Amino acid sequence: MTMTLDPISQLDRLVASVLDSAPAPRTMPVDLYRDGDRYVLHADIPGADPGSIDIDLDGSQLSIRAQRTAGNGEGLRWIARERGSGSYFRQFTLGEGVDLDRISATYDSGVLSVVIPVSERAKPRKITVESADQREAIDA
């Protein structure tokens, strides 16, 4: 294996490693879309231990936390170490039109999927329009 030394990329890695060692949690990139009668959120958390993923709902506040631990081994001599470790955190405020009791989540291949159903009262519906003639006929 041939590796070339690039002083600029080495400096970038050094800065990144210093910033990565800070206790602040990382944010996770997400996609959020509406699919019919539900919202779907996909969050990238590659390498996270599924047991460390914690999803909390407090009122309308949805919080996602996860932990990724660094692979450490006895006697290893690292050549490159670019995959970060630490905690991940993301928070969302949910609107009134969702069914908070039916939120579900799965984790597969490094992607957390959260399904947030739309509540029945927020779904589109038809409103019947009555004419004044029909109303008078019913009242009589």
C-alpha atoms as a PDB file:
ATOM      1  CA  MET A   1       0.000   0.000   0.000  1.00  0.00           C
ATOM      2  CA  THR A   2       1.427   3.370  -1.001  1.00  0.00           C
ATOM      3  CA  MET A   3       0.579   6.483   0.975  1.00  0.00           C
ATOM      4  CA  THR A   4       1.613   9.960   0.020  1.00  0.00           C
ATOM      5  CA  LEU A   5       2.048  12.656   2.595  1.00  0.00           C
ATOM      6  CA  ASP A   6       0.119  15.827   2.037  1.00  0.00           C
ATOM      7  CA  PRO A   7       0.889  18.476   4.698  1.00  0.00           C
ATOM      8  CA  ILE A   8      -2.412  20.315   4.128  1.00  0.00           C
ATOM      9  CA  SER A   9      -4.545  17.204   4.601  1.00  0.00           C
ATOM     10  CA  GLN A  10      -2.434  16.269   7.639  1.00  0.00           C
ATOM     11  CA  LEU A  11      -3.195  19.696   9.129  1.00  0.00           C
ATOM     12  CA  ASP A  12      -6.894  19.244   8.323  1.00  0.00           C
ATOM     13  CA  ARG A  13      -6.888  15.886  10.088  1.00  0.00           C
ATOM     14  CA  LEU A  14      -5.125  17.347  13.112  1.00  0.00           C
ATOM     15  CA  VAL A  15      -7.661  20.164  13.390  1.00  0.00           C
ATOM     16  CA  ALA A  16     -10.531  17.704  12.907  1.00  0.00           C
ATOM     17  CA  SER A  17      -9.154  15.383  15.592  1.00  0.00           C
ATOM     18  CA  VAL A  18      -8.900  18.270  18.071  1.00  0.00           C
ATOM     19  CA  LEU A  19     -12.439  19.387  17.281  1.00  0.00           C
ATOM     20  CA  ASP A  20     -13.712  15.792  17.372  1.00  0.00           C
ATOM     21  CA  SER A  21     -12.348  15.312  20.875  1.00  0.00           C
ATOM     22  CA  ALA A  22     -14.560  18.141  22.146  1.00  0.00           C
ATOM     23  CA  PRO A  23     -17.466  16.904  24.261  1.00  0.00           C
ATOM     24  CA  ALA A  24     -20.101  18.612  22.085  1.00  0.00           C
ATOM     25  CA  PRO A  25     -22.347  16.087  20.337  1.00  0.00           C
ATOM     26  CA  ARG A  26     -22.247  15.828  16.567  1.00  0.00           C
ATOM     27  CA  THR A  27     -25.301  16.508  14.470  1.00  0.00           C
ATOM     28  CA  MET A  28     -26.567  13.798  12.201  1.00  0.00           C
ATOM     29  CA  PRO A  29     -27.645  14.547   8.630  1.00  0.00           C
ATOM     30  CA  VAL A  30     -31.340  13.893   8.049  1.00  0.00           C
ATOM     31  CA  ASP A  31     -33.884  13.692   5.257  1.00  0.00           C
ATOM     32  CA  LEU A  32     -37.505  14.473   6.131  1.00  0.00           C
ATOM     33  CA  TYR A  33     -40.452  14.085   3.782  1.00  0.00           C
ATOM     34  CA  ARG A  34     -44.185  13.488   3.765  1.00  0.00           C
ATOM     35  CA  ASP A  35     -45.409  10.260   2.222  1.00  0.00           C
ATOM     36  CA  GLY A  36     -49.213  10.226   2.149  1.00  0.00           C
ATOM     37  CA  ASP A  37     -50.505  10.099   5.715  1.00  0.00           C
ATOM     38  CA  ARG A  38     -47.111  10.053   7.418  1.00  0.00           C
ATOM     39  CA  TYR A  39     -43.855  11.916   7.758  1.00  0.00           C
ATOM     40  CA  VAL A  40     -40.648   9.906   7.361  1.00  0.00           C
ATOM     41  CA  LEU A  41     -37.334  10.988   8.849  1.00  0.00           C
ATOM     42  CA  HIS A  42     -34.084   9.241   7.867  1.00  0.00           C
ATOM     43  CA  ALA A  43     -31.019  10.049   9.996  1.00  0.00           C
ATOM     44  CA  ASP A  44     -27.508   8.887   9.116  1.00  0.00           C
ATOM     45  CA  ILE A  45     -25.745   7.396  12.137  1.00  0.00           C
ATOM     46  CA  PRO A  46     -23.199   5.019  10.584  1.00  0.00           C
ATOM     47  CA  GLY A  47     -21.488   2.690  13.002  1.00  0.00           C
ATOM     48  CA  ALA A  48     -23.711   3.592  15.941  1.00  0.00           C
ATOM     49  CA  ASP A  49     -24.464   0.792  18.358  1.00  0.00           C
ATOM     50  CA  PRO A  50     -28.230   0.134  17.975  1.00  0.00           C
ATOM     51  CA  GLY A  51     -28.493  -0.205  21.757  1.00  0.00           C
ATOM     52  CA  SER A  52     -27.171   3.333  22.193  1.00  0.00           C
ATOM     53  CA  ILE A  53     -29.893   4.954  20.082  1.00  0.00           C
ATOM     54  CA  ASP A  54     -32.321   6.805  22.313  1.00  0.00           C
ATOM     55  CA  ILE A  55     -35.440   8.551  21.008  1.00  0.00           C
ATOM     56  CA  ASP A  56     -37.416  10.667  23.472  1.00  0.00           C
ATOM     57  CA  LEU A  57     -40.667  12.538  23.047  1.00  0.00           C
ATOM     58  CA  ASP A  58     -41.371  15.344  25.512  1.00  0.00           C
ATOM     59  CA  GLY A  59     -44.548  17.138  24.539  1.00  0.00           C
ATOM     60  CA  SER A  60     -43.928  18.065  20.931  1.00  0.00           C
ATOM     61  CA  GLN A  61     -40.107  17.839  21.230  1.00  0.00           C
ATOM     62  CA  LEU A  62     -38.559  14.753  19.559  1.00  0.00           C
ATOM     63  CA  SER A  63     -34.931  14.109  20.575  1.00  0.00           C
ATOM     64  CA  ILE A  64     -32.600  11.559  18.999  1.00  0.00           C
ATOM     65  CA  ARG A  65     -29.321  10.533  20.678  1.00  0.00           C
ATOM     66  CA  ALA A  66     -26.803   7.892  19.652  1.00  0.00           C
ATOM     67  CA  GLN A  67     -23.255   6.866  20.491  1.00  0.00           C
ATOM     68  CA  ARG A  68     -20.473   5.612  18.258  1.00  0.00           C
ATOM     69  CA  THR A  69     -17.429   4.184  19.991  1.00  0.00           C
ATOM     70  CA  ALA A  70     -13.966   4.214  18.481  1.00  0.00           C
ATOM     71  CA  GLY A  71     -12.390   0.909  17.611  1.00  0.00           C
ATOM     72  CA  ASN A  72      -9.418   0.584  19.916  1.00  0.00           C
ATOM     73  CA  GLY A  73      -7.174  -2.410  20.003  1.00  0.00           C
ATOM     74  CA  GLU A  74      -4.053  -3.402  21.850  1.00  0.00           C
ATOM     75  CA  GLY A  75      -0.855  -2.809  19.910  1.00  0.00           C
ATOM     76  CA  LEU A  76      -2.482  -1.087  16.956  1.00  0.00           C
ATOM     77  CA  ARG A  77      -0.466   1.467  15.026  1.00  0.00           C
ATOM     78  CA  TRP A  78      -2.920   3.724  13.224  1.00  0.00           C
ATOM     79  CA  ILE A  79      -1.969   4.794   9.696  1.00  0.00           C
ATOM     80  CA  ALA A  80      -5.145   6.799   9.129  1.00  0.00           C
ATOM     81  CA  ARG A  81      -8.032   7.435  11.508  1.00  0.00           C
ATOM     82  CA  GLU A  82     -10.722   9.551   9.893  1.00  0.00           C
ATOM     83  CA  ARG A  83     -13.911   7.914  11.180  1.00  0.00           C
ATOM     84  CA  GLY A  84     -15.162   9.930  14.109  1.00  0.00           C
ATOM     85  CA  SER A  85     -16.597   8.629  17.321  1.00  0.00           C
ATOM     86  CA  GLY A  86     -18.619  10.176  20.086  1.00  0.00           C
ATOM     87  CA  SER A  87     -22.203  11.156  20.672  1.00  0.00           C
ATOM     88  CA  TYR A  88     -24.757  12.317  18.124  1.00  0.00           C
ATOM     89  CA  PHE A  89     -27.758  14.489  18.913  1.00  0.00           C
ATOM     90  CA  ARG A  90     -30.651  16.011  16.984  1.00  0.00           C
ATOM     91  CA  GLN A  91     -33.876  17.632  18.163  1.00  0.00           C
ATOM     92  CA  PHE A  92     -37.112  18.403  16.310  1.00  0.00           C
ATOM     93  CA  THR A  93     -40.301  20.215  17.226  1.00  0.00           C
ATOM     94  CA  LEU A  94     -43.340  18.341  15.946  1.00  0.00           C
ATOM     95  CA  GLY A  95     -46.457  20.189  14.842  1.00  0.00           C
ATOM     96  CA  GLU A  96     -49.954  19.637  16.171  1.00  0.00           C
ATOM     97  CA  GLY A  97     -51.040  17.584  13.162  1.00  0.00           C
ATOM     98  CA  VAL A  98     -49.155  14.379  14.038  1.00  0.00           C
ATOM     99  CA  ASP A  99     -50.194  11.281  15.965  1.00  0.00           C
ATOM    100  CA  LEU A 100     -47.649  11.233  18.805  1.00  0.00           C
ATOM    101  CA  ASP A 101     -48.850   7.844  20.107  1.00  0.00           C
ATOM    102  CA  ARG A 102     -48.038   5.975  16.882  1.00  0.00           C
ATOM    103  CA  ILE A 103     -44.461   7.140  16.165  1.00  0.00           C
ATOM    104  CA  SER A 104     -42.191   4.199  15.310  1.00  0.00           C
ATOM    105  CA  ALA A 105     -38.481   3.769  14.533  1.00  0.00           C
ATOM    106  CA  THR A 106     -36.131   1.244  12.928  1.00  0.00           C
ATOM    107  CA  TYR A 107     -32.350   1.158  12.472  1.00  0.00           C
ATOM    108  CA  ASP A 108     -30.856  -0.587   9.458  1.00  0.00           C
ATOM    109  CA  SER A 109     -27.463  -0.282   7.728  1.00  0.00           C
ATOM    110  CA  GLY A 110     -26.505   2.881   9.600  1.00  0.00           C
ATOM    111  CA  VAL A 111     -29.769   4.695   8.908  1.00  0.00           C
ATOM    112  CA  LEU A 112     -32.346   5.446  11.596  1.00  0.00           C
ATOM    113  CA  SER A 113     -35.856   5.715  10.149  1.00  0.00           C
ATOM    114  CA  VAL A 114     -38.570   7.408  12.217  1.00  0.00           C
ATOM    115  CA  VAL A 115     -42.164   7.247  10.961  1.00  0.00           C
ATOM    116  CA  ILE A 116     -44.472   9.968  12.284  1.00  0.00           C
ATOM    117  CA  PRO A 117     -48.117   9.390  11.294  1.00  0.00           C
ATOM    118  CA  VAL A 118     -50.402  12.321  10.515  1.00  0.00           C
ATOM    119  CA  SER A 119     -53.299  12.539  12.990  1.00  0.00           C
ATOM    120  CA  GLU A 120     -56.813  11.852  11.750  1.00  0.00           C
ATOM    121  CA  ARG A 121     -57.916  15.438  12.421  1.00  0.00           C
ATOM    122  CA  ALA A 122     -55.047  16.798  10.299  1.00  0.00           C
ATOM    123  CA  LYS A 123     -55.805  14.643   7.237  1.00  0.00           C
ATOM    124  CA  PRO A 124     -57.448  16.376   4.290  1.00  0.00           C
ATOM    125  CA  ARG A 125     -61.213  15.946   4.150  1.00  0.00           C
ATOM    126  CA  LYS A 126     -64.196  17.193   2.184  1.00  0.00           C
ATOM    127  CA  ILE A 127     -66.554  19.737   3.693  1.00  0.00           C
ATOM    128  CA  THR A 128     -70.148  19.490   2.467  1.00  0.00           C
ATOM    129  CA  VAL A 129     -71.583  22.798   1.346  1.00  0.00           C
ATOM    130  CA  GLU A 130     -75.285  23.219   1.931  1.00  0.00           C
ATOM    131  CA  SER A 131     -77.441  25.743   0.132  1.00  0.00           C
ATOM    132  CA  ALA A 132     -79.876  28.007   1.970  1.00  0.00           C
ATOM    133  CA  ASP A 133     -82.786  26.143   0.318  1.00  0.00           C
ATOM    134  CA  GLN A 134     -81.662  22.805   1.759  1.00  0.00           C
ATOM    135  CA  ARG A 135     -81.259  24.269   5.252  1.00  0.00           C
ATOM    136  CA  GLU A 136     -84.778  25.737   5.242  1.00  0.00           C
ATOM    137  CA  ALA A 137     -86.241  22.437   4.107  1.00  0.00           C
ATOM    138  CA  ILE A 138     -84.555  20.638   7.012  1.00  0.00           C
ATOM    139  CA  ASP A 139     -85.664  23.253   9.578  1.00  0.00           C
ATOM    140  CA  ALA A 140     -89.368  23.057   8.564  1.00  0.00           C
END
